[in-house]
Amino acid sequence: MTTTPDLVQDPGRGRLVIAALAGFVVGSGAIGLLWGLSSSADGPAEDARAACAALERVGELPLASGGAASGVLTQGVLPRILAARELAAAAAEFRPQYQELADHLDGVSRMVVSLNLTDKGGRWHLSEARKHCTLV
């Protein structure tokens, strides 16, 4: 008669495997939750604040004496206005509360791109965008 080796498993080993799997699942869930909470920093609000910071760095748009636009923009004005418009649009895409800011910055960017810096509508959009930025 041939004997076969006993394939007796240690009963503690099964419990150890189950405990390890449970620990892995719980640990993965906790890490995922922490990662989700840390990365859920309010992205749209950060975009809106960055748009307002870009607008603030523009300063006052140039006007010649008598209220006529000088037509000369200082270096960096156009890229900052365009960046502000895009950041506000990105914020509004996820949060409708930023749509007005995005609309006003779009009006400002159209004024700046056209170099019609005396445009009353564009100046109004600039004023309104700055008001919205005080609330962001």
N, C-alpha and C. Protein backbone atom coordinates (compact mmCIF):
# COMPACT_ATOMS: atom_id res chain seq x y z
N MET A 1 0.83 -1.15 0.00
CA MET A 1 0.00 0.00 0.00
C MET A 1 0.89 1.23 0.00
N THR A 2 0.52 2.14 -0.87
CA THR A 2 1.30 3.37 -0.93
C THR A 2 0.66 4.42 -0.04
N THR A 3 1.49 5.15 0.54
CA THR A 3 0.97 6.21 1.41
C THR A 3 1.14 7.54 0.70
N THR A 4 0.18 8.31 0.85
CA THR A 4 0.27 9.67 0.29
C THR A 4 0.52 10.63 1.43
N PRO A 5 1.31 11.61 1.12
CA PRO A 5 1.57 12.57 2.21
C PRO A 5 0.29 13.30 2.59
N ASP A 6 0.14 13.50 3.82
CA ASP A 6 -1.05 14.21 4.29
C ASP A 6 -0.94 15.67 3.87
N LEU A 7 -1.96 16.15 3.25
CA LEU A 7 -2.01 17.54 2.82
C LEU A 7 -2.84 18.34 3.82
N VAL A 8 -2.45 18.23 5.01
CA VAL A 8 -3.18 18.90 6.08
C VAL A 8 -2.70 20.35 6.12
N GLN A 9 -3.66 21.22 6.03
CA GLN A 9 -3.32 22.64 6.10
C GLN A 9 -3.48 23.11 7.53
N ASP A 10 -2.66 24.07 7.81
CA ASP A 10 -2.74 24.68 9.13
C ASP A 10 -4.00 25.53 9.19
N PRO A 11 -4.92 25.26 10.11
CA PRO A 11 -6.16 26.03 10.17
C PRO A 11 -5.91 27.52 10.43
N GLY A 12 -4.84 27.89 11.06
CA GLY A 12 -4.53 29.29 11.32
C GLY A 12 -4.12 30.03 10.05
N ARG A 13 -3.64 29.28 9.07
CA ARG A 13 -3.19 29.91 7.83
C ARG A 13 -4.36 30.51 7.05
N GLY A 14 -5.48 29.87 7.00
CA GLY A 14 -6.67 30.37 6.31
C GLY A 14 -7.15 31.68 6.93
N ARG A 15 -7.12 31.70 8.25
CA ARG A 15 -7.52 32.92 8.95
C ARG A 15 -6.55 34.06 8.65
N LEU A 16 -5.29 33.71 8.56
CA LEU A 16 -4.27 34.71 8.26
C LEU A 16 -4.48 35.31 6.87
N VAL A 17 -4.80 34.46 5.89
CA VAL A 17 -5.06 34.93 4.53
C VAL A 17 -6.29 35.83 4.50
N ILE A 18 -7.34 35.42 5.20
CA ILE A 18 -8.56 36.23 5.24
C ILE A 18 -8.29 37.57 5.92
N ALA A 19 -7.54 37.55 6.99
CA ALA A 19 -7.21 38.79 7.70
C ALA A 19 -6.38 39.72 6.81
N ALA A 20 -5.44 39.12 6.06
CA ALA A 20 -4.60 39.93 5.16
C ALA A 20 -5.45 40.56 4.06
N LEU A 21 -6.36 39.78 3.48
CA LEU A 21 -7.23 40.32 2.44
C LEU A 21 -8.14 41.42 3.00
N ALA A 22 -8.68 41.19 4.18
CA ALA A 22 -9.54 42.20 4.80
C ALA A 22 -8.74 43.47 5.08
N GLY A 23 -7.53 43.31 5.57
CA GLY A 23 -6.67 44.47 5.83
C GLY A 23 -6.35 45.23 4.56
N PHE A 24 -6.12 44.47 3.49
CA PHE A 24 -5.83 45.11 2.19
C PHE A 24 -7.04 45.91 1.71
N VAL A 25 -8.22 45.34 1.81
CA VAL A 25 -9.45 46.02 1.35
C VAL A 25 -9.71 47.27 2.19
N VAL A 26 -9.63 47.13 3.50
CA VAL A 26 -9.88 48.27 4.39
C VAL A 26 -8.82 49.35 4.17
N GLY A 27 -7.57 48.95 4.08
CA GLY A 27 -6.49 49.91 3.86
C GLY A 27 -6.62 50.62 2.53
N SER A 28 -6.96 49.88 1.48
CA SER A 28 -7.14 50.49 0.16
C SER A 28 -8.30 51.47 0.18
N GLY A 29 -9.37 51.09 0.86
CA GLY A 29 -10.52 51.99 0.97
C GLY A 29 -10.17 53.27 1.70
N ALA A 30 -9.41 53.14 2.80
CA ALA A 30 -9.02 54.31 3.57
C ALA A 30 -8.09 55.22 2.76
N ILE A 31 -7.14 54.63 2.07
CA ILE A 31 -6.23 55.43 1.24
C ILE A 31 -6.99 56.11 0.11
N GLY A 32 -7.92 55.38 -0.51
CA GLY A 32 -8.73 55.97 -1.57
C GLY A 32 -9.57 57.12 -1.05
N LEU A 33 -10.16 56.95 0.13
CA LEU A 33 -10.96 58.01 0.71
C LEU A 33 -10.11 59.24 1.02
N LEU A 34 -8.96 59.03 1.63
CA LEU A 34 -8.07 60.16 1.93
C LEU A 34 -7.59 60.84 0.66
N TRP A 35 -7.26 60.08 -0.35
CA TRP A 35 -6.81 60.64 -1.63
C TRP A 35 -7.94 61.46 -2.25
N GLY A 36 -9.13 60.91 -2.21
CA GLY A 36 -10.28 61.61 -2.78
C GLY A 36 -10.56 62.91 -2.05
N LEU A 37 -10.48 62.88 -0.72
CA LEU A 37 -10.73 64.09 0.05
C LEU A 37 -9.64 65.13 -0.17
N SER A 38 -8.40 64.69 -0.28
CA SER A 38 -7.31 65.65 -0.45
C SER A 38 -7.31 66.24 -1.85
N SER A 39 -7.72 65.46 -2.85
CA SER A 39 -7.72 65.98 -4.21
C SER A 39 -9.02 66.69 -4.54
N SER A 40 -9.99 66.65 -3.64
CA SER A 40 -11.23 67.33 -3.91
C SER A 40 -11.19 68.77 -3.45
N ALA A 41 -9.97 69.27 -3.25
CA ALA A 41 -9.85 70.69 -2.98
C ALA A 41 -10.60 71.38 -4.09
N ASP A 42 -11.34 72.35 -3.76
CA ASP A 42 -12.31 72.94 -4.67
C ASP A 42 -11.65 73.48 -5.93
N GLY A 43 -11.50 72.60 -6.92
CA GLY A 43 -10.86 72.96 -8.19
C GLY A 43 -11.51 74.14 -8.89
N PRO A 44 -12.84 74.16 -9.05
CA PRO A 44 -13.46 75.31 -9.70
C PRO A 44 -13.22 76.62 -8.96
N ALA A 45 -13.27 76.59 -7.64
CA ALA A 45 -13.00 77.81 -6.87
C ALA A 45 -11.56 78.25 -7.04
N GLU A 46 -10.65 77.28 -7.08
CA GLU A 46 -9.24 77.63 -7.30
C GLU A 46 -9.04 78.24 -8.69
N ASP A 47 -9.74 77.71 -9.69
CA ASP A 47 -9.66 78.28 -11.04
C ASP A 47 -10.21 79.70 -11.05
N ALA A 48 -11.33 79.92 -10.36
CA ALA A 48 -11.92 81.26 -10.32
C ALA A 48 -10.98 82.24 -9.61
N ARG A 49 -10.37 81.79 -8.51
CA ARG A 49 -9.41 82.65 -7.81
C ARG A 49 -8.19 82.95 -8.68
N ALA A 50 -7.74 81.95 -9.42
CA ALA A 50 -6.60 82.17 -10.32
C ALA A 50 -6.98 83.14 -11.44
N ALA A 51 -8.21 83.05 -11.93
CA ALA A 51 -8.67 83.99 -12.96
C ALA A 51 -8.66 85.41 -12.41
N CYS A 52 -9.13 85.56 -11.19
CA CYS A 52 -9.15 86.89 -10.57
C CYS A 52 -7.74 87.39 -10.29
N ALA A 53 -6.84 86.50 -9.92
CA ALA A 53 -5.45 86.91 -9.69
C ALA A 53 -4.81 87.39 -11.00
N ALA A 54 -5.11 86.70 -12.10
CA ALA A 54 -4.58 87.12 -13.40
C ALA A 54 -5.15 88.48 -13.77
N LEU A 55 -6.44 88.68 -13.52
CA LEU A 55 -7.06 89.99 -13.81
C LEU A 55 -6.45 91.08 -12.95
N GLU A 56 -6.21 90.77 -11.69
CA GLU A 56 -5.61 91.75 -10.79
C GLU A 56 -4.22 92.17 -11.25
N ARG A 57 -3.45 91.21 -11.77
CA ARG A 57 -2.09 91.52 -12.24
C ARG A 57 -2.09 92.39 -13.47
N VAL A 58 -3.22 92.45 -14.17
CA VAL A 58 -3.33 93.33 -15.34
C VAL A 58 -3.28 94.79 -14.91
N GLY A 59 -3.89 95.08 -13.77
CA GLY A 59 -3.96 96.46 -13.31
C GLY A 59 -4.98 97.22 -14.13
N GLU A 60 -4.76 98.51 -14.25
CA GLU A 60 -5.67 99.35 -15.02
C GLU A 60 -5.30 99.30 -16.49
N LEU A 61 -6.29 99.21 -17.32
CA LEU A 61 -6.03 99.24 -18.76
C LEU A 61 -5.74 100.68 -19.16
N PRO A 62 -4.83 100.86 -20.10
CA PRO A 62 -4.37 102.22 -20.42
C PRO A 62 -5.45 103.06 -21.11
N LEU A 63 -5.49 104.31 -20.70
CA LEU A 63 -6.32 105.32 -21.36
C LEU A 63 -5.44 106.55 -21.55
N ALA A 64 -5.54 107.16 -22.71
CA ALA A 64 -4.81 108.41 -22.96
C ALA A 64 -5.60 109.55 -22.34
N SER A 65 -5.02 110.71 -22.30
CA SER A 65 -5.71 111.85 -21.74
C SER A 65 -6.99 112.12 -22.53
N GLY A 66 -8.00 112.57 -21.84
CA GLY A 66 -9.28 112.83 -22.50
C GLY A 66 -10.13 111.59 -22.64
N GLY A 67 -9.70 110.46 -22.09
CA GLY A 67 -10.50 109.25 -22.12
C GLY A 67 -10.33 108.41 -23.37
N ALA A 68 -9.45 108.80 -24.28
CA ALA A 68 -9.22 108.00 -25.48
C ALA A 68 -8.23 106.90 -25.16
N ALA A 69 -8.45 105.74 -25.71
CA ALA A 69 -7.54 104.63 -25.46
C ALA A 69 -6.21 104.88 -26.13
N SER A 70 -5.15 104.59 -25.42
CA SER A 70 -3.83 104.78 -26.01
C SER A 70 -3.52 103.68 -27.01
N GLY A 71 -4.20 102.54 -26.90
CA GLY A 71 -3.99 101.44 -27.83
C GLY A 71 -2.71 100.67 -27.57
N VAL A 72 -1.94 101.06 -26.57
CA VAL A 72 -0.69 100.39 -26.26
C VAL A 72 -0.88 99.62 -24.96
N LEU A 73 -0.77 98.32 -25.05
CA LEU A 73 -0.89 97.49 -23.86
C LEU A 73 0.50 97.16 -23.35
N THR A 74 0.62 97.15 -22.05
CA THR A 74 1.90 96.75 -21.48
C THR A 74 2.08 95.25 -21.68
N GLN A 75 3.32 94.85 -21.60
CA GLN A 75 3.64 93.44 -21.84
C GLN A 75 2.92 92.56 -20.82
N GLY A 76 2.32 91.51 -21.30
CA GLY A 76 1.67 90.54 -20.43
C GLY A 76 0.18 90.75 -20.23
N VAL A 77 -0.34 91.90 -20.65
CA VAL A 77 -1.77 92.17 -20.43
C VAL A 77 -2.63 91.19 -21.21
N LEU A 78 -2.38 91.05 -22.50
CA LEU A 78 -3.22 90.17 -23.32
C LEU A 78 -3.17 88.72 -22.83
N PRO A 79 -1.99 88.14 -22.60
CA PRO A 79 -1.98 86.75 -22.11
C PRO A 79 -2.69 86.58 -20.77
N ARG A 80 -2.59 87.57 -19.89
CA ARG A 80 -3.24 87.46 -18.58
C ARG A 80 -4.76 87.54 -18.72
N ILE A 81 -5.22 88.43 -19.58
CA ILE A 81 -6.67 88.54 -19.80
C ILE A 81 -7.19 87.24 -20.40
N LEU A 82 -6.48 86.71 -21.38
CA LEU A 82 -6.92 85.47 -22.02
C LEU A 82 -6.87 84.30 -21.03
N ALA A 83 -5.84 84.27 -20.20
CA ALA A 83 -5.74 83.22 -19.18
C ALA A 83 -6.89 83.34 -18.18
N ALA A 84 -7.18 84.56 -17.77
CA ALA A 84 -8.29 84.78 -16.83
C ALA A 84 -9.60 84.29 -17.44
N ARG A 85 -9.81 84.60 -18.72
CA ARG A 85 -11.04 84.17 -19.39
C ARG A 85 -11.15 82.64 -19.40
N GLU A 86 -10.05 81.97 -19.74
CA GLU A 86 -10.07 80.51 -19.83
C GLU A 86 -10.24 79.86 -18.46
N LEU A 87 -9.59 80.40 -17.45
CA LEU A 87 -9.73 79.84 -16.10
C LEU A 87 -11.16 80.02 -15.59
N ALA A 88 -11.75 81.18 -15.83
CA ALA A 88 -13.13 81.40 -15.40
C ALA A 88 -14.08 80.48 -16.15
N ALA A 89 -13.82 80.27 -17.43
CA ALA A 89 -14.67 79.36 -18.21
C ALA A 89 -14.56 77.94 -17.67
N ALA A 90 -13.35 77.53 -17.28
CA ALA A 90 -13.16 76.20 -16.72
C ALA A 90 -13.90 76.07 -15.39
N ALA A 91 -13.84 77.12 -14.57
CA ALA A 91 -14.56 77.09 -13.30
C ALA A 91 -16.06 77.01 -13.53
N ALA A 92 -16.57 77.78 -14.49
CA ALA A 92 -18.01 77.80 -14.77
C ALA A 92 -18.50 76.48 -15.35
N GLU A 93 -17.60 75.76 -15.99
CA GLU A 93 -17.97 74.47 -16.57
C GLU A 93 -18.41 73.49 -15.48
N PHE A 94 -17.81 73.61 -14.30
CA PHE A 94 -18.13 72.70 -13.21
C PHE A 94 -19.02 73.32 -12.15
N ARG A 95 -19.04 74.65 -12.08
CA ARG A 95 -19.86 75.35 -11.11
C ARG A 95 -20.56 76.53 -11.77
N PRO A 96 -21.86 76.44 -11.96
CA PRO A 96 -22.60 77.51 -12.62
C PRO A 96 -22.48 78.87 -11.92
N GLN A 97 -22.14 78.87 -10.65
CA GLN A 97 -22.02 80.14 -9.93
C GLN A 97 -20.90 81.02 -10.49
N TYR A 98 -19.99 80.44 -11.26
CA TYR A 98 -18.89 81.22 -11.85
C TYR A 98 -19.18 81.64 -13.29
N GLN A 99 -20.38 81.37 -13.77
CA GLN A 99 -20.70 81.69 -15.16
C GLN A 99 -20.68 83.20 -15.41
N GLU A 100 -21.19 83.99 -14.48
CA GLU A 100 -21.18 85.45 -14.68
C GLU A 100 -19.76 85.97 -14.76
N LEU A 101 -18.89 85.49 -13.90
CA LEU A 101 -17.49 85.89 -13.97
C LEU A 101 -16.91 85.53 -15.32
N ALA A 102 -17.19 84.33 -15.79
CA ALA A 102 -16.69 83.89 -17.10
C ALA A 102 -17.22 84.78 -18.22
N ASP A 103 -18.50 85.12 -18.15
CA ASP A 103 -19.10 85.97 -19.18
C ASP A 103 -18.46 87.36 -19.19
N HIS A 104 -18.25 87.92 -18.01
CA HIS A 104 -17.65 89.26 -17.93
C HIS A 104 -16.20 89.24 -18.41
N LEU A 105 -15.46 88.21 -18.04
CA LEU A 105 -14.07 88.14 -18.50
C LEU A 105 -14.01 87.90 -20.01
N ASP A 106 -15.00 87.23 -20.56
CA ASP A 106 -15.07 87.10 -22.02
C ASP A 106 -15.28 88.46 -22.66
N GLY A 107 -16.15 89.28 -22.08
CA GLY A 107 -16.36 90.65 -22.59
C GLY A 107 -15.11 91.49 -22.51
N VAL A 108 -14.37 91.35 -21.42
CA VAL A 108 -13.11 92.09 -21.26
C VAL A 108 -12.11 91.63 -22.31
N SER A 109 -12.03 90.33 -22.52
CA SER A 109 -11.04 89.82 -23.48
C SER A 109 -11.37 90.28 -24.90
N ARG A 110 -12.65 90.35 -25.24
CA ARG A 110 -13.02 90.84 -26.58
C ARG A 110 -12.60 92.30 -26.75
N MET A 111 -12.77 93.09 -25.70
CA MET A 111 -12.36 94.49 -25.75
C MET A 111 -10.84 94.60 -25.93
N VAL A 112 -10.11 93.83 -25.17
CA VAL A 112 -8.64 93.92 -25.21
C VAL A 112 -8.11 93.40 -26.55
N VAL A 113 -8.64 92.30 -27.03
CA VAL A 113 -8.17 91.73 -28.30
C VAL A 113 -8.42 92.72 -29.44
N SER A 114 -9.54 93.42 -29.39
CA SER A 114 -9.85 94.38 -30.47
C SER A 114 -9.09 95.69 -30.30
N LEU A 115 -8.43 95.87 -29.17
CA LEU A 115 -7.71 97.11 -28.83
C LEU A 115 -8.64 98.32 -28.80
N ASN A 116 -9.91 98.08 -28.61
CA ASN A 116 -10.88 99.15 -28.45
C ASN A 116 -11.09 99.35 -26.95
N LEU A 117 -10.11 99.93 -26.31
CA LEU A 117 -10.08 100.00 -24.86
C LEU A 117 -11.05 101.03 -24.29
N THR A 118 -11.68 101.81 -25.12
CA THR A 118 -12.69 102.76 -24.65
C THR A 118 -14.09 102.20 -24.79
N ASP A 119 -14.22 100.98 -25.25
CA ASP A 119 -15.52 100.35 -25.42
C ASP A 119 -16.26 100.34 -24.09
N LYS A 120 -17.41 101.02 -24.05
CA LYS A 120 -18.16 101.13 -22.79
C LYS A 120 -18.62 99.77 -22.29
N GLY A 121 -19.02 98.91 -23.21
CA GLY A 121 -19.43 97.56 -22.81
C GLY A 121 -18.27 96.78 -22.21
N GLY A 122 -17.11 96.88 -22.83
CA GLY A 122 -15.92 96.19 -22.32
C GLY A 122 -15.51 96.72 -20.96
N ARG A 123 -15.59 98.05 -20.79
CA ARG A 123 -15.25 98.66 -19.50
C ARG A 123 -16.25 98.24 -18.42
N TRP A 124 -17.53 98.11 -18.81
CA TRP A 124 -18.54 97.65 -17.87
C TRP A 124 -18.24 96.21 -17.46
N HIS A 125 -17.90 95.36 -18.44
CA HIS A 125 -17.54 93.97 -18.12
C HIS A 125 -16.34 93.92 -17.18
N LEU A 126 -15.37 94.80 -17.40
CA LEU A 126 -14.19 94.85 -16.54
C LEU A 126 -14.60 95.19 -15.11
N SER A 127 -15.45 96.19 -14.97
CA SER A 127 -15.93 96.59 -13.65
C SER A 127 -16.70 95.46 -12.97
N GLU A 128 -17.57 94.80 -13.72
CA GLU A 128 -18.36 93.70 -13.17
C GLU A 128 -17.48 92.51 -12.81
N ALA A 129 -16.50 92.21 -13.64
CA ALA A 129 -15.59 91.10 -13.34
C ALA A 129 -14.84 91.37 -12.04
N ARG A 130 -14.41 92.60 -11.87
CA ARG A 130 -13.70 92.95 -10.63
C ARG A 130 -14.62 92.84 -9.42
N LYS A 131 -15.89 93.20 -9.58
CA LYS A 131 -16.85 93.03 -8.48
C LYS A 131 -17.01 91.56 -8.13
N HIS A 132 -17.13 90.73 -9.15
CA HIS A 132 -17.26 89.28 -8.89
C HIS A 132 -16.01 88.74 -8.22
N CYS A 133 -14.87 89.28 -8.57
CA CYS A 133 -13.63 88.78 -7.97
C CYS A 133 -13.55 89.08 -6.48
N THR A 134 -14.22 90.14 -6.04
CA THR A 134 -14.20 90.40 -4.60
C THR A 134 -15.01 89.36 -3.83
N LEU A 135 -15.86 88.62 -4.53
CA LEU A 135 -16.70 87.61 -3.90
C LEU A 135 -16.11 86.21 -3.99
N VAL A 136 -15.09 86.04 -4.78
CA VAL A 136 -14.52 84.70 -5.00
C VAL A 136 -13.54 84.36 -3.90
